[in-house]
C-alpha atoms as a PDB file:
ATOM      1  CA  MET A   1      12.184   5.249  27.260  1.00  0.00           C
ATOM      2  CA  ALA A   2      10.115   3.076  25.178  1.00  0.00           C
ATOM      3  CA  MET A   3      10.856   2.749  21.474  1.00  0.00           C
ATOM      4  CA  ARG A   4       7.952   3.146  19.354  1.00  0.00           C
ATOM      5  CA  ALA A   5       7.508   0.913  16.304  1.00  0.00           C
ATOM      6  CA  CYS A   6       6.582   2.701  13.178  1.00  0.00           C
ATOM      7  CA  PRO A   7       5.310   1.439   9.861  1.00  0.00           C
ATOM      8  CA  ALA A   8       8.015   1.107   7.161  1.00  0.00           C
ATOM      9  CA  THR A   9       6.600   3.858   5.029  1.00  0.00           C
ATOM     10  CA  SER A  10       6.390   6.466   7.742  1.00  0.00           C
ATOM     11  CA  CYS A  11       9.869   5.974   9.291  1.00  0.00           C
ATOM     12  CA  ALA A  12      11.817   7.033   6.237  1.00  0.00           C
ATOM     13  CA  PRO A  13      13.860  10.174   6.689  1.00  0.00           C
ATOM     14  CA  SER A  14      12.306  13.249   5.260  1.00  0.00           C
ATOM     15  CA  GLY A  15      13.158  13.910   1.610  1.00  0.00           C
ATOM     16  CA  ALA A  16      13.934  10.229   0.818  1.00  0.00           C
ATOM     17  CA  THR A  17      11.416   8.308  -1.232  1.00  0.00           C
ATOM     18  CA  ARG A  18      11.226   4.628  -1.951  1.00  0.00           C
ATOM     19  CA  GLN A  19      11.501   3.519  -5.601  1.00  0.00           C
ATOM     20  CA  VAL A  20       8.847   1.024  -6.569  1.00  0.00           C
ATOM     21  CA  GLY A  21       9.438   0.416 -10.322  1.00  0.00           C
ATOM     22  CA  MET A  22      11.840   1.126 -13.190  1.00  0.00           C
ATOM     23  CA  SER A  23      12.076   4.487 -14.806  1.00  0.00           C
ATOM     24  CA  LEU A  24      11.537   5.034 -18.511  1.00  0.00           C
ATOM     25  CA  ILE A  25      15.257   5.745 -19.049  1.00  0.00           C
ATOM     26  CA  GLU A  26      16.218   2.358 -17.602  1.00  0.00           C
ATOM     27  CA  VAL A  27      13.747   0.634 -19.921  1.00  0.00           C
ATOM     28  CA  LEU A  28      15.120   2.486 -22.967  1.00  0.00           C
ATOM     29  CA  VAL A  29      18.738   1.650 -22.066  1.00  0.00           C
ATOM     30  CA  SER A  30      17.892  -2.029 -21.630  1.00  0.00           C
ATOM     31  CA  LEU A  31      16.079  -2.057 -25.008  1.00  0.00           C
ATOM     32  CA  LEU A  32      19.113  -0.422 -26.636  1.00  0.00           C
ATOM     33  CA  ILE A  33      21.436  -3.075 -25.201  1.00  0.00           C
ATOM     34  CA  LEU A  34      19.058  -5.850 -26.319  1.00  0.00           C
ATOM     35  CA  GLY A  35      18.845  -4.346 -29.826  1.00  0.00           C
ATOM     36  CA  VAL A  36      22.635  -4.147 -30.213  1.00  0.00           C
ATOM     37  CA  GLY A  37      22.921  -7.750 -29.031  1.00  0.00           C
ATOM     38  CA  LEU A  38      20.320  -8.959 -31.535  1.00  0.00           C
ATOM     39  CA  LEU A  39      22.061  -7.102 -34.376  1.00  0.00           C
ATOM     40  CA  GLY A  40      25.315  -8.837 -33.407  1.00  0.00           C
ATOM     41  CA  VAL A  41      23.605 -12.223 -33.456  1.00  0.00           C
ATOM     42  CA  GLY A  42      22.154 -11.439 -36.886  1.00  0.00           C
ATOM     43  CA  LEU A  43      25.581 -10.496 -38.248  1.00  0.00           C
ATOM     44  CA  ILE A  44      27.105 -13.703 -36.909  1.00  0.00           C
ATOM     45  CA  GLN A  45      24.288 -15.710 -38.522  1.00  0.00           C
ATOM     46  CA  LEU A  46      24.955 -14.084 -41.918  1.00  0.00           C
ATOM     47  CA  ASN A  47      28.663 -14.950 -41.679  1.00  0.00           C
ATOM     48  CA  VAL A  48      27.814 -18.522 -40.737  1.00  0.00           C
ATOM     49  CA  LEU A  49      25.619 -18.849 -43.824  1.00  0.00           C
ATOM     50  CA  LYS A  50      28.364 -17.476 -46.097  1.00  0.00           C
ATOM     51  CA  TYR A  51      31.052 -19.770 -44.739  1.00  0.00           C
ATOM     52  CA  THR A  52      28.748 -22.784 -44.732  1.00  0.00           C
ATOM     53  CA  ASP A  53      28.044 -22.209 -48.412  1.00  0.00           C
ATOM     54  CA  SER A  54      31.753 -21.896 -49.144  1.00  0.00           C
ATOM     55  CA  SER A  55      32.468 -25.101 -47.228  1.00  0.00           C
ATOM     56  CA  ARG A  56      29.701 -26.901 -49.134  1.00  0.00           C
ATOM     57  CA  MET A  57      31.242 -25.797 -52.421  1.00  0.00           C
ATOM     58  CA  ILE A  58      34.671 -27.123 -51.417  1.00  0.00           C
ATOM     59  CA  SER A  59      33.148 -30.444 -50.386  1.00  0.00           C
ATOM     60  CA  GLN A  60      31.256 -30.718 -53.672  1.00  0.00           C
ATOM     61  CA  ALA A  61      34.420 -29.930 -55.646  1.00  0.00           C
ATOM     62  CA  SER A  62      36.288 -32.670 -53.771  1.00  0.00           C
ATOM     63  CA  PHE A  63      33.529 -35.185 -54.612  1.00  0.00           C
ATOM     64  CA  ILE A  64      33.757 -34.278 -58.302  1.00  0.00           C
ATOM     65  CA  ALA A  65      37.570 -34.479 -58.314  1.00  0.00           C
ATOM     66  CA  TYR A  66      37.649 -37.849 -56.526  1.00  0.00           C
ATOM     67  CA  ASP A  67      34.981 -39.200 -58.888  1.00  0.00           C
ATOM     68  CA  MET A  68      37.126 -38.208 -61.863  1.00  0.00           C
ATOM     69  CA  LEU A  69      40.231 -39.695 -60.236  1.00  0.00           C
ATOM     70  CA  ASP A  70      38.397 -43.009 -59.781  1.00  0.00           C
ATOM     71  CA  ARG A  71      37.379 -42.931 -63.446  1.00  0.00           C
ATOM     72  CA  ILE A  72      41.000 -42.302 -64.491  1.00  0.00           C
ATOM     73  CA  ARG A  73      42.181 -45.210 -62.335  1.00  0.00           C
ATOM     74  CA  ALA A  74      39.517 -47.485 -63.825  1.00  0.00           C
ATOM     75  CA  ASN A  75      40.616 -46.622 -67.382  1.00  0.00           C
ATOM     76  CA  ALA A  76      44.353 -46.223 -66.810  1.00  0.00           C
ATOM     77  CA  GLY A  77      45.303 -46.760 -70.457  1.00  0.00           C
ATOM     78  CA  ALA A  78      43.573 -43.617 -71.726  1.00  0.00           C
ATOM     79  CA  ASP A  79      45.024 -40.120 -71.812  1.00  0.00           C
ATOM     80  CA  TYR A  80      42.757 -37.946 -69.632  1.00  0.00           C
ATOM     81  CA  ALA A  81      44.730 -34.687 -69.945  1.00  0.00           C
ATOM     82  CA  TRP A  82      42.077 -31.992 -70.328  1.00  0.00           C
ATOM     83  CA  GLU A  83      41.710 -28.229 -70.049  1.00  0.00           C
ATOM     84  CA  SER A  84      38.478 -26.389 -69.426  1.00  0.00           C
ATOM     85  CA  GLY A  85      38.464 -24.985 -72.975  1.00  0.00           C
ATOM     86  CA  ASP A  86      38.617 -28.478 -74.503  1.00  0.00           C
ATOM     87  CA  VAL A  87      35.323 -29.922 -75.649  1.00  0.00           C
ATOM     88  CA  ALA A  88      34.386 -33.471 -74.694  1.00  0.00           C
ATOM     89  CA  LEU A  89      32.374 -35.472 -77.209  1.00  0.00           C
ATOM     90  CA  THR A  90      28.738 -35.739 -76.230  1.00  0.00           C
ATOM     91  CA  THR A  91      27.430 -38.304 -78.697  1.00  0.00           C
ATOM     92  CA  THR A  92      27.554 -41.806 -77.316  1.00  0.00           C
ATOM     93  CA  VAL A  93      28.027 -43.466 -80.718  1.00  0.00           C
ATOM     94  CA  ALA A  94      31.435 -41.947 -81.475  1.00  0.00           C
ATOM     95  CA  ALA A  95      32.575 -41.345 -77.887  1.00  0.00           C
ATOM     96  CA  SER A  96      34.965 -43.567 -75.997  1.00  0.00           C
ATOM     97  CA  VAL A  97      34.838 -44.225 -72.267  1.00  0.00           C
ATOM     98  CA  ARG A  98      37.396 -41.423 -71.830  1.00  0.00           C
ATOM     99  CA  ASP A  99      35.238 -38.968 -73.781  1.00  0.00           C
ATOM    100  CA  LEU A 100      32.136 -39.855 -71.759  1.00  0.00           C
ATOM    101  CA  ASP A 101      34.070 -39.496 -68.500  1.00  0.00           C
ATOM    102  CA  LEU A 102      35.354 -36.068 -69.533  1.00  0.00           C
ATOM    103  CA  HIS A 103      31.867 -35.032 -70.629  1.00  0.00           C
ATOM    104  CA  ASP A 104      30.502 -36.057 -67.204  1.00  0.00           C
ATOM    105  CA  PHE A 105      33.355 -34.189 -65.493  1.00  0.00           C
ATOM    106  CA  GLU A 106      32.573 -31.040 -67.478  1.00  0.00           C
ATOM    107  CA  ALA A 107      28.819 -31.370 -66.785  1.00  0.00           C
ATOM    108  CA  ASN A 108      29.387 -31.948 -63.045  1.00  0.00           C
ATOM    109  CA  ILE A 109      31.536 -28.826 -62.793  1.00  0.00           C
ATOM    110  CA  SER A 110      28.983 -26.751 -64.704  1.00  0.00           C
ATOM    111  CA  HIS A 111      26.074 -27.981 -62.537  1.00  0.00           C
ATOM    112  CA  PHE A 112      28.078 -27.504 -59.363  1.00  0.00           C
ATOM    113  CA  ALA A 113      29.162 -23.876 -59.784  1.00  0.00           C
ATOM    114  CA  GLY A 114      27.729 -22.542 -63.021  1.00  0.00           C
ATOM    115  CA  ASP A 115      29.330 -21.519 -66.273  1.00  0.00           C
ATOM    116  CA  THR A 116      32.150 -19.580 -64.607  1.00  0.00           C
ATOM    117  CA  ALA A 117      33.564 -22.745 -63.033  1.00  0.00           C
ATOM    118  CA  LYS A 118      36.616 -24.241 -64.678  1.00  0.00           C
ATOM    119  CA  GLY A 119      38.278 -27.618 -64.425  1.00  0.00           C
ATOM    120  CA  SER A 120      41.478 -29.181 -65.675  1.00  0.00           C
ATOM    121  CA  ILE A 121      43.284 -32.497 -65.561  1.00  0.00           C
ATOM    122  CA  ALA A 122      47.058 -32.582 -65.892  1.00  0.00           C
ATOM    123  CA  ILE A 123      48.944 -35.855 -66.191  1.00  0.00           C
ATOM    124  CA  ASN A 124      52.674 -36.076 -65.639  1.00  0.00           C
ATOM    125  CA  GLN A 125      53.773 -39.690 -66.037  1.00  0.00           C
ATOM    126  CA  ARG A 126      51.842 -41.479 -63.258  1.00  0.00           C
ATOM    127  CA  GLU A 127      50.818 -38.382 -61.321  1.00  0.00           C
ATOM    128  CA  VAL A 128      47.411 -36.856 -61.974  1.00  0.00           C
ATOM    129  CA  THR A 129      46.436 -33.342 -60.874  1.00  0.00           C
ATOM    130  CA  ILE A 130      42.767 -32.409 -61.006  1.00  0.00           C
ATOM    131  CA  SER A 131      41.900 -28.741 -60.433  1.00  0.00           C
ATOM    132  CA  ILE A 132      38.469 -27.182 -60.108  1.00  0.00           C
ATOM    133  CA  SER A 133      38.004 -23.423 -59.644  1.00  0.00           C
ATOM    134  CA  TRP A 134      34.868 -21.345 -59.195  1.00  0.00           C
ATOM    135  CA  ASP A 135      33.712 -17.860 -58.231  1.00  0.00           C
ATOM    136  CA  ASP A 136      33.626 -17.548 -54.426  1.00  0.00           C
ATOM    137  CA  SER A 137      33.186 -13.784 -54.115  1.00  0.00           C
ATOM    138  CA  ARG A 138      30.199 -14.197 -51.805  1.00  0.00           C
ATOM    139  CA  ALA A 139      32.279 -15.776 -49.027  1.00  0.00           C
ATOM    140  CA  ALA A 140      35.209 -13.399 -49.477  1.00  0.00           C
ATOM    141  CA  ASN A 141      33.120 -10.197 -49.604  1.00  0.00           C
ATOM    142  CA  ALA A 142      35.077  -9.133 -52.666  1.00  0.00           C
ATOM    143  CA  GLY A 143      34.453  -9.253 -56.387  1.00  0.00           C
ATOM    144  CA  ASN A 144      36.148 -11.738 -58.720  1.00  0.00           C
ATOM    145  CA  THR A 145      37.464 -13.985 -55.940  1.00  0.00           C
ATOM    146  CA  ARG A 146      38.094 -17.514 -57.146  1.00  0.00           C
ATOM    147  CA  GLU A 147      38.427 -20.589 -54.995  1.00  0.00           C
ATOM    148  CA  THR A 148      40.426 -23.539 -56.343  1.00  0.00           C
ATOM    149  CA  PHE A 149      40.368 -27.145 -55.202  1.00  0.00           C
ATOM    150  CA  THR A 150      43.341 -29.209 -56.381  1.00  0.00           C
ATOM    151  CA  LEU A 151      43.721 -32.967 -56.023  1.00  0.00           C
ATOM    152  CA  THR A 152      47.026 -34.641 -56.847  1.00  0.00           C
ATOM    153  CA  SER A 153      47.452 -38.395 -56.768  1.00  0.00           C
ATOM    154  CA  ARG A 154      49.524 -41.184 -58.213  1.00  0.00           C
ATOM    155  CA  VAL A 155      47.389 -43.476 -60.363  1.00  0.00           C
ATOM    156  CA  ALA A 156      49.776 -46.409 -60.748  1.00  0.00           C
ATOM    157  CA  VAL A 157      52.574 -47.997 -58.788  1.00  0.00           C
ATOM    158  CA  ASP A 158      56.118 -47.524 -60.033  1.00  0.00           C
ATOM    159  CA  PRO A 159      57.505 -50.780 -61.415  1.00  0.00           C
ATOM    160  CA  ARG A 160      59.978 -52.486 -59.137  1.00  0.00           C
ATOM    161  CA  PRO A 161      63.520 -52.722 -60.438  1.00  0.00           C
ATOM    162  CA  ALA A 162      64.678 -56.232 -61.383  1.00  0.00           C
ATOM    163  CA  ARG A 163      66.896 -57.928 -58.831  1.00  0.00           C
END
């Protein structure tokens, strides 16, 4: 018996058909999966922007605090204790170096985070604590959330005891 070769399309069993393309349902399912994936990427991108902004604010607050700490170290004889409600002198004729430094500190905080930002400088003997707080409700997804950056440092060396 000789086997007869048949073309690929005519040897298929009866009732079975060969699929050539994708059906409309497969296309819709793949578009749905792609859409969900793109929405997830968009959500991640929004979170990245929020947290990047929060990180930038913390970095800026640290720059302001370290700048003020350097000013305090440069003028160690002056009393830099200051609360956010205190008013620094703005006229250069009557202002001392301390007053100008505090005015710059207040202006830097206001430019950095707006009028709701607050700053304070506490001095306890040779230890200086500089605190800066601002509204960070955007990063926390909640209202009235405040972020605070606090820098504590010793501004002078303790005197050595006599031997």
